Amino acid sequence: MPEPTSSIPLLLFGAPVTNPNIVYATRFLAPDPVVAIDYGDHVSLWVSPLEAHRAELESTASAVHSTEEISVNSLLGSAGSETELWPLLVHAVLAAEGCTNVRVDSTFPLGIADILRDKGIHVTVDWTAYLRERRIKTQEEIELLREVERIGLGGLEAALALLRTATVKDGLLYHEGAPLSGADLVHAVESYYLAHDCITVDSICCGSPECADPHRNTSPVIRANLPIVLDLYPYHRTSRYWADLTRTVVVGEPPDAVWKMWNAVKQAQQEALDMVHPGVNARDIHRHCCEVFRDHGYGSLSHPFNEISSSARFIHGTGHGVGLEIHEFPRVSDPDVILEVGDVITIEPGLYDPDLGGIRIEDLVTVTEDGMENLTPFPKELILTPQ
């Protein structure tokens, strides 16, 4: 009879700063690769000698080992390069731990897995490793997410403050005598994050028509009377938990077509938020947003709404999980997923017109016993009131 998957140790390898599963298993951050083995009831962490003492102080691993114990320098001497060292190191760790049968997560390096198999280690991929554990957030995790979202809103305020001081000249926004750009807004946002122990990757502060590309970071200029999308997602430098939020504003008077898009997006987002409850299928929330857009004359990617021809369209999912990654399970889109208490998801429908730009509104919410709690308490107004 095959050994139950849950009883097979989970082998993790990589640099914790870029591997959320290792962070989840050990709560240890390091820029260089480490090896961790999760036995279910305890975790063994192997780090370089220079990290050993810090790992003992900071990690939650049951046991911390220095790779000095397995003569890492001798291994390095027999390897042609540092890259060739890693499979030798992982194999030596498994030998020291007495492991001949391991699971690995979906990010585990294929080359190392192949070499381990050649050396007689039975390696299987567990595609669901930590999927449920990381999906259902503890109250402590929700508080970490709440705090980062609060800092995210501070960055939003910094961008809006800069926009409020701008002047309009020839249809463009100016600040201190020069045209205001998306990069200027990003600088204001990310300076705030640095001051509050957060960093991020490519904040989206983009004017029209460029913001018709949902993930375009900036625009060379910011135009009056057209949408400005501010989609911000900092993560905390220590906890590594992310935030996610979006507001869309206009400085000036938008044309009727922009108002029409705004009203449709705001209605879709609010009705989607109202649907968030445990036991609700996330796919139904997404499809309802598509139905709202259909009723306003807009098409979406999902069938049959993709058959609707319109200048502005809904071209992404309604939301996604947030935690140690900015995009994680569950998705609020076409997949069939039942929401559960402890899920933390975004609700962010949007419309995008190549000529007018994009409209997106995004809140981060956690699913509770009686519905949801919104972690993004911030107004949703299209027209930005001048200072």
Protein backbone atom coordinates (compact mmCIF):
# COMPACT_ATOMS: atom_id res chain seq x y z
CA MET A 1 0.00 0.00 0.00
CA PRO A 2 1.42 3.47 -0.92
CA GLU A 3 2.56 5.65 1.95
CA PRO A 4 -0.02 8.40 2.75
CA THR A 5 1.11 11.67 1.19
CA SER A 6 0.71 13.56 4.47
CA SER A 7 3.27 11.26 6.14
CA ILE A 8 5.95 11.89 3.52
CA PRO A 9 8.29 14.77 4.49
CA LEU A 10 8.01 17.94 2.39
CA LEU A 11 11.38 19.12 1.06
CA LEU A 12 11.74 22.85 0.41
CA PHE A 13 14.68 24.56 -1.27
CA GLY A 14 15.32 28.16 -2.26
CA ALA A 15 15.98 31.67 -1.04
CA PRO A 16 13.30 32.54 1.53
CA VAL A 17 13.04 36.14 0.30
CA THR A 18 11.59 34.79 -2.97
CA ASN A 19 9.95 31.58 -1.73
CA PRO A 20 6.71 32.14 0.23
CA ASN A 21 6.36 28.46 1.17
CA ILE A 22 9.70 28.55 3.00
CA VAL A 23 8.65 31.75 4.76
CA TYR A 24 5.38 30.09 5.76
CA ALA A 25 7.16 26.97 7.06
CA THR A 26 10.00 28.71 8.91
CA ARG A 27 9.23 32.46 9.21
CA PHE A 28 12.86 33.00 8.31
CA LEU A 29 14.12 35.47 5.71
CA ALA A 30 17.46 35.11 3.96
CA PRO A 31 18.76 36.13 0.51
CA ASP A 32 20.55 32.83 -0.17
CA PRO A 33 19.13 29.31 -0.57
CA VAL A 34 18.23 27.22 2.46
CA VAL A 35 16.90 23.70 2.83
CA ALA A 36 13.83 22.99 4.98
CA ILE A 37 12.12 19.68 5.66
CA ASP A 38 8.59 19.73 7.02
CA TYR A 39 7.76 16.43 8.76
CA GLY A 40 4.24 17.52 9.68
CA ASP A 41 4.87 17.76 13.41
CA HIS A 42 8.20 19.58 13.16
CA VAL A 43 10.37 21.47 10.69
CA SER A 44 14.11 21.09 10.23
CA LEU A 45 15.94 24.08 8.72
CA TRP A 46 19.44 23.95 7.21
CA VAL A 47 21.24 27.25 6.60
CA SER A 48 24.76 28.43 5.87
CA PRO A 49 27.10 29.03 8.84
CA LEU A 50 26.71 32.78 8.47
CA GLU A 51 22.93 32.49 8.98
CA ALA A 52 22.84 29.78 11.66
CA HIS A 53 22.76 31.95 14.76
CA ARG A 54 20.22 34.37 13.27
CA ALA A 55 18.02 31.46 12.19
CA GLU A 56 18.05 30.07 15.74
CA LEU A 57 16.87 33.45 17.01
CA GLU A 58 14.32 34.33 14.34
CA SER A 59 12.90 31.19 12.72
CA THR A 60 10.03 29.06 14.00
CA ALA A 61 11.74 25.85 12.85
CA SER A 62 11.92 23.08 15.45
CA ALA A 63 15.59 22.48 14.67
CA VAL A 64 18.17 24.69 12.98
CA HIS A 65 21.30 23.15 11.47
CA SER A 66 24.36 24.73 9.94
CA THR A 67 25.52 23.27 6.64
CA GLU A 68 28.93 23.19 8.29
CA GLU A 69 27.66 19.95 9.89
CA ILE A 70 27.71 18.29 6.45
CA SER A 71 31.08 19.77 5.40
CA VAL A 72 29.68 22.30 2.96
CA ASN A 73 33.17 23.52 2.04
CA SER A 74 34.18 20.03 0.94
CA LEU A 75 31.02 19.82 -1.16
CA LEU A 76 31.80 23.18 -2.74
CA GLY A 77 35.30 21.96 -3.57
CA SER A 78 33.89 18.98 -5.48
CA ALA A 79 31.33 21.07 -7.35
CA GLY A 80 32.30 22.91 -10.51
CA SER A 81 30.22 25.94 -9.56
CA GLU A 82 27.87 27.20 -6.89
CA THR A 83 24.93 26.11 -9.04
CA GLU A 84 26.29 22.57 -9.12
CA LEU A 85 26.68 22.70 -5.34
CA TRP A 86 22.94 22.89 -4.63
CA PRO A 87 21.94 19.32 -5.54
CA LEU A 88 24.97 17.99 -3.62
CA LEU A 89 23.97 20.07 -0.63
CA VAL A 90 20.32 18.99 -0.72
CA HIS A 91 21.32 15.34 -1.05
CA ALA A 92 23.73 15.66 1.88
CA VAL A 93 20.97 17.20 4.01
CA LEU A 94 18.59 14.35 3.15
CA ALA A 95 21.29 11.83 4.03
CA ALA A 96 21.88 13.55 7.38
CA GLU A 97 18.12 13.53 8.04
CA GLY A 98 17.71 9.94 6.88
CA CYS A 99 15.15 10.84 4.20
CA THR A 100 14.83 8.69 1.09
CA ASN A 101 11.24 9.58 0.16
CA VAL A 102 10.17 13.23 -0.09
CA ARG A 103 7.50 15.47 -1.52
CA VAL A 104 8.42 18.79 -3.14
CA ASP A 105 6.26 21.79 -3.97
CA SER A 106 5.56 23.03 -7.48
CA THR A 107 8.44 25.55 -7.38
CA PHE A 108 11.14 22.99 -6.59
CA PRO A 109 13.98 23.06 -9.18
CA LEU A 110 13.60 20.31 -11.78
CA GLY A 111 17.35 19.84 -12.16
CA ILE A 112 17.84 19.18 -8.45
CA ALA A 113 14.88 16.78 -8.39
CA ASP A 114 16.37 14.82 -11.32
CA ILE A 115 19.76 14.50 -9.60
CA LEU A 116 18.13 13.41 -6.33
CA ARG A 117 16.23 10.69 -8.21
CA ASP A 118 19.47 9.56 -9.84
CA LYS A 119 20.91 9.21 -6.34
CA GLY A 120 18.04 7.00 -5.21
CA ILE A 121 15.75 9.55 -3.56
CA HIS A 122 12.05 9.08 -4.34
CA VAL A 123 10.75 12.56 -5.24
CA THR A 124 7.10 13.36 -5.95
CA VAL A 125 5.52 16.74 -6.63
CA ASP A 126 2.77 17.83 -4.23
CA TRP A 127 0.84 20.45 -6.18
CA THR A 128 -1.24 21.35 -3.13
CA ALA A 129 1.63 21.84 -0.66
CA TYR A 130 0.52 24.49 1.86
CA LEU A 131 -2.36 25.44 -0.44
CA ARG A 132 -5.03 25.11 2.22
CA GLU A 133 -2.82 26.18 5.12
CA ARG A 134 -1.88 29.41 3.39
CA ARG A 135 -5.39 29.97 2.02
CA ILE A 136 -7.26 30.01 5.34
CA LYS A 137 -5.74 32.88 7.29
CA THR A 138 -5.44 32.86 11.06
CA GLN A 139 -6.55 35.90 13.03
CA GLU A 140 -2.90 36.82 13.45
CA GLU A 141 -2.39 36.74 9.69
CA ILE A 142 -5.50 38.84 9.13
CA GLU A 143 -4.15 41.47 11.51
CA LEU A 144 -0.85 41.51 9.60
CA LEU A 145 -2.77 41.97 6.35
CA ARG A 146 -4.92 44.69 7.91
CA GLU A 147 -1.83 46.61 8.98
CA VAL A 148 -0.20 46.42 5.54
CA GLU A 149 -3.47 47.47 3.90
CA ARG A 150 -3.54 50.48 6.25
CA ILE A 151 -0.06 51.41 5.07
CA GLY A 152 -1.21 50.85 1.50
CA LEU A 153 -3.95 53.43 2.05
CA GLY A 154 -1.33 55.85 3.34
CA GLY A 155 0.47 55.49 0.02
CA LEU A 156 -2.79 56.16 -1.79
CA GLU A 157 -3.26 59.33 0.26
CA ALA A 158 0.25 60.44 -0.75
CA ALA A 159 -0.61 60.06 -4.45
CA LEU A 160 -3.94 61.84 -4.06
CA ALA A 161 -2.27 64.70 -2.15
CA LEU A 162 0.11 65.22 -5.06
CA LEU A 163 -2.75 65.15 -7.56
CA ARG A 164 -4.70 67.69 -5.51
CA THR A 165 -1.86 70.22 -5.71
CA ALA A 166 -1.50 69.86 -9.48
CA THR A 167 -2.54 72.57 -11.91
CA VAL A 168 -4.04 72.04 -15.36
CA LYS A 169 -2.39 73.42 -18.49
CA ASP A 170 -3.24 72.40 -22.05
CA GLY A 171 -5.11 69.36 -20.77
CA LEU A 172 -2.18 68.07 -18.69
CA LEU A 173 -1.52 68.10 -14.97
CA TYR A 174 1.52 70.11 -13.83
CA HIS A 175 3.42 70.08 -10.56
CA GLU A 176 6.04 72.68 -9.67
CA GLY A 177 6.14 73.93 -13.25
CA ALA A 178 6.67 70.54 -14.95
CA PRO A 179 4.23 68.01 -16.37
CA LEU A 180 3.19 65.48 -13.74
CA SER A 181 3.96 61.87 -14.68
CA GLY A 182 2.95 58.48 -13.37
CA ALA A 183 6.53 58.06 -12.14
CA ASP A 184 6.08 61.15 -9.94
CA LEU A 185 3.05 59.53 -8.32
CA VAL A 186 4.94 56.25 -7.86
CA HIS A 187 7.76 58.11 -6.11
CA ALA A 188 5.29 59.69 -3.68
CA VAL A 189 3.65 56.32 -2.98
CA GLU A 190 6.80 54.29 -2.56
CA SER A 191 8.55 56.94 -0.46
CA TYR A 192 5.68 56.61 1.99
CA TYR A 193 6.03 52.83 2.00
CA LEU A 194 9.77 52.95 2.69
CA ALA A 195 9.10 55.24 5.65
CA HIS A 196 6.65 52.65 7.03
CA ASP A 197 8.79 49.51 6.66
CA CYS A 198 7.14 48.36 3.45
CA ILE A 199 8.35 47.93 -0.10
CA THR A 200 6.66 46.91 -3.31
CA VAL A 201 7.16 45.97 -6.95
CA ASP A 202 6.05 48.34 -9.71
CA SER A 203 3.19 50.33 -8.17
CA ILE A 204 0.54 51.20 -10.75
CA CYS A 205 0.00 54.96 -11.03
CA CYS A 206 -1.16 55.41 -14.58
CA GLY A 207 -3.20 57.96 -16.49
CA SER A 208 -5.32 57.62 -19.60
CA PRO A 209 -5.33 56.25 -22.20
CA GLU A 210 -2.35 54.17 -20.99
CA CYS A 211 -4.29 52.74 -18.04
CA ALA A 212 -6.46 50.80 -20.48
CA ASP A 213 -3.64 48.25 -19.99
CA PRO A 214 -4.55 47.07 -16.46
CA HIS A 215 -0.98 46.34 -15.33
CA ARG A 216 0.80 49.25 -17.02
CA ASN A 217 2.76 50.91 -14.25
CA THR A 218 2.98 54.54 -15.32
CA SER A 219 2.20 57.01 -18.07
CA PRO A 220 4.56 59.75 -19.29
CA VAL A 221 1.98 62.41 -18.49
CA ILE A 222 -1.21 62.62 -16.44
CA ARG A 223 -4.13 64.08 -18.33
CA ALA A 224 -6.99 66.10 -16.88
CA ASN A 225 -10.57 64.95 -17.38
CA LEU A 226 -9.63 61.28 -17.87
CA PRO A 227 -9.18 58.35 -15.46
CA ILE A 228 -6.08 57.87 -13.32
CA VAL A 229 -5.75 54.34 -11.94
CA LEU A 230 -3.92 53.97 -8.62
CA ASP A 231 -3.41 50.25 -7.95
CA LEU A 232 -1.10 49.81 -4.96
CA TYR A 233 0.27 46.65 -3.36
CA PRO A 234 2.98 47.02 -0.73
CA TYR A 235 4.35 44.16 1.32
CA HIS A 236 5.87 44.35 4.77
CA ARG A 237 9.64 43.90 4.83
CA THR A 238 9.49 41.67 7.92
CA SER A 239 6.23 39.73 7.81
CA ARG A 240 6.23 39.52 3.97
CA TYR A 241 2.42 39.82 3.85
CA TRP A 242 1.01 41.94 1.02
CA ALA A 243 -1.78 44.47 0.68
CA ASP A 244 -3.79 45.29 -2.45
CA LEU A 245 -6.09 48.22 -3.22
CA THR A 246 -7.19 50.33 -6.16
CA ARG A 247 -8.96 53.63 -6.63
CA THR A 248 -9.62 55.46 -9.89
CA VAL A 249 -9.95 59.24 -9.94
CA VAL A 250 -10.30 62.08 -12.41
CA VAL A 251 -8.95 65.60 -12.01
CA GLY A 252 -11.44 67.78 -13.87
CA GLU A 253 -14.66 66.87 -15.67
CA PRO A 254 -14.80 63.45 -17.32
CA PRO A 255 -16.83 62.86 -20.49
CA ASP A 256 -20.14 61.02 -20.30
CA ALA A 257 -18.55 57.78 -21.54
CA VAL A 258 -16.21 57.75 -18.53
CA TRP A 259 -19.11 58.38 -16.15
CA LYS A 260 -20.95 55.47 -17.75
CA MET A 261 -17.97 53.17 -17.19
CA TRP A 262 -17.55 54.40 -13.61
CA ASN A 263 -21.18 53.79 -12.68
CA ALA A 264 -21.04 50.25 -14.08
CA VAL A 265 -17.81 49.39 -12.24
CA LYS A 266 -19.00 50.87 -8.96
CA GLN A 267 -22.27 48.94 -9.14
CA ALA A 268 -20.52 45.70 -10.06
CA GLN A 269 -18.01 46.07 -7.24
CA GLN A 270 -20.62 46.86 -4.60
CA GLU A 271 -22.90 44.01 -5.62
CA ALA A 272 -19.91 41.65 -5.66
CA LEU A 273 -18.95 42.75 -2.15
CA ASP A 274 -22.51 42.13 -1.00
CA MET A 275 -22.27 38.55 -2.28
CA VAL A 276 -19.15 37.64 -0.28
CA HIS A 277 -20.22 35.05 2.32
CA PRO A 278 -18.92 31.63 3.36
CA GLY A 279 -20.44 28.94 1.14
CA VAL A 280 -20.78 31.23 -1.88
CA ASN A 281 -19.13 30.10 -5.10
CA ALA A 282 -16.49 32.65 -6.13
CA ARG A 283 -17.37 31.91 -9.74
CA ASP A 284 -20.91 33.16 -9.12
CA ILE A 285 -19.51 36.48 -7.85
CA HIS A 286 -17.41 36.85 -10.98
CA ARG A 287 -20.28 35.97 -13.29
CA HIS A 288 -22.53 38.45 -11.51
CA CYS A 289 -20.03 41.21 -12.27
CA CYS A 290 -20.13 40.13 -15.91
CA GLU A 291 -23.92 40.31 -15.81
CA VAL A 292 -23.84 43.84 -14.38
CA PHE A 293 -21.49 44.90 -17.15
CA ARG A 294 -23.71 43.20 -19.74
CA ASP A 295 -26.69 45.16 -18.46
CA HIS A 296 -24.67 48.35 -19.00
CA GLY A 297 -23.71 47.25 -22.52
CA TYR A 298 -20.18 46.00 -21.84
CA GLY A 299 -18.58 42.69 -22.73
CA SER A 300 -16.29 40.48 -20.63
CA LEU A 301 -13.81 37.68 -21.30
CA SER A 302 -15.99 34.91 -19.87
CA HIS A 303 -18.44 33.08 -22.13
CA PRO A 304 -21.13 34.07 -23.13
CA PHE A 305 -20.29 37.65 -22.20
CA ASN A 306 -17.33 37.62 -24.60
CA GLU A 307 -19.82 37.72 -27.45
CA ILE A 308 -20.85 41.27 -26.49
CA SER A 309 -19.13 43.89 -28.64
CA SER A 310 -18.22 47.06 -26.77
CA SER A 311 -15.44 49.64 -26.76
CA ALA A 312 -14.83 49.12 -23.04
CA ARG A 313 -14.51 45.55 -21.73
CA PHE A 314 -13.92 43.58 -18.52
CA ILE A 315 -10.70 41.70 -19.28
CA HIS A 316 -9.64 39.99 -16.03
CA GLY A 317 -11.03 38.13 -13.05
CA THR A 318 -13.00 39.77 -10.26
CA GLY A 319 -10.43 39.01 -7.57
CA HIS A 320 -7.79 36.80 -6.04
CA GLY A 321 -6.37 35.69 -2.74
CA VAL A 322 -3.73 37.78 -0.99
CA GLY A 323 -1.22 36.69 1.63
CA LEU A 324 2.47 35.87 1.32
CA GLU A 325 1.96 36.40 -2.41
CA ILE A 326 0.13 39.23 -4.09
CA HIS A 327 -1.81 36.74 -6.24
CA GLU A 328 -2.63 33.45 -4.56
CA PHE A 329 -5.45 30.94 -4.15
CA PRO A 330 -8.43 31.31 -4.29
CA ARG A 331 -9.28 33.14 -7.50
CA VAL A 332 -12.59 34.97 -7.88
CA SER A 333 -13.01 34.14 -11.54
CA ASP A 334 -14.19 31.27 -13.71
CA PRO A 335 -12.85 28.41 -11.50
CA ASP A 336 -15.33 26.67 -9.21
CA VAL A 337 -14.24 27.65 -5.66
CA ILE A 338 -16.44 27.83 -2.55
CA LEU A 339 -15.50 30.68 -0.22
CA GLU A 340 -14.62 29.78 3.37
CA VAL A 341 -14.17 31.65 6.62
CA GLY A 342 -10.58 32.90 6.69
CA ASP A 343 -10.27 33.56 2.97
CA VAL A 344 -8.72 36.96 2.21
CA ILE A 345 -9.57 38.09 -1.31
CA THR A 346 -9.77 41.17 -3.48
CA ILE A 347 -12.91 42.35 -5.23
CA GLU A 348 -11.77 44.43 -8.21
CA PRO A 349 -13.92 44.51 -11.35
CA GLY A 350 -12.86 46.96 -14.05
CA LEU A 351 -13.56 48.26 -17.52
CA TYR A 352 -10.95 49.24 -20.10
CA ASP A 353 -11.38 51.37 -23.22
CA PRO A 354 -8.29 51.89 -25.43
CA ASP A 355 -9.31 55.49 -26.11
CA LEU A 356 -10.55 56.55 -22.68
CA GLY A 357 -8.41 54.45 -20.31
CA GLY A 358 -9.47 52.19 -17.48
CA ILE A 359 -11.72 52.22 -14.43
CA ARG A 360 -11.00 49.81 -11.57
CA ILE A 361 -12.07 49.80 -7.91
CA GLU A 362 -10.52 47.27 -5.54
CA ASP A 363 -11.07 46.38 -1.89
CA LEU A 364 -9.38 43.70 0.18
CA VAL A 365 -11.84 41.69 2.28
CA THR A 366 -11.78 38.72 4.62
CA VAL A 367 -14.59 36.17 4.69
CA THR A 368 -16.22 35.98 8.14
CA GLU A 369 -18.86 33.76 9.73
CA ASP A 370 -21.65 36.18 8.80
CA GLY A 371 -20.31 37.66 5.57
CA MET A 372 -17.14 39.64 5.12
CA GLU A 373 -15.05 42.41 6.66
CA ASN A 374 -13.71 45.09 4.35
CA LEU A 375 -10.04 45.86 5.11
CA THR A 376 -10.02 48.86 2.74
CA PRO A 377 -12.07 51.59 4.43
CA PHE A 378 -11.61 54.34 1.85
CA PRO A 379 -14.10 56.45 -0.18
CA LYS A 380 -14.91 55.63 -3.79
CA GLU A 381 -15.37 58.90 -5.66
CA LEU A 382 -14.46 59.51 -9.28
CA ILE A 383 -13.93 63.28 -9.11
CA LEU A 384 -10.91 64.25 -7.02
CA THR A 385 -11.67 67.40 -5.04
CA PRO A 386 -8.88 69.99 -5.44
CA GLN A 387 -6.93 71.10 -2.37
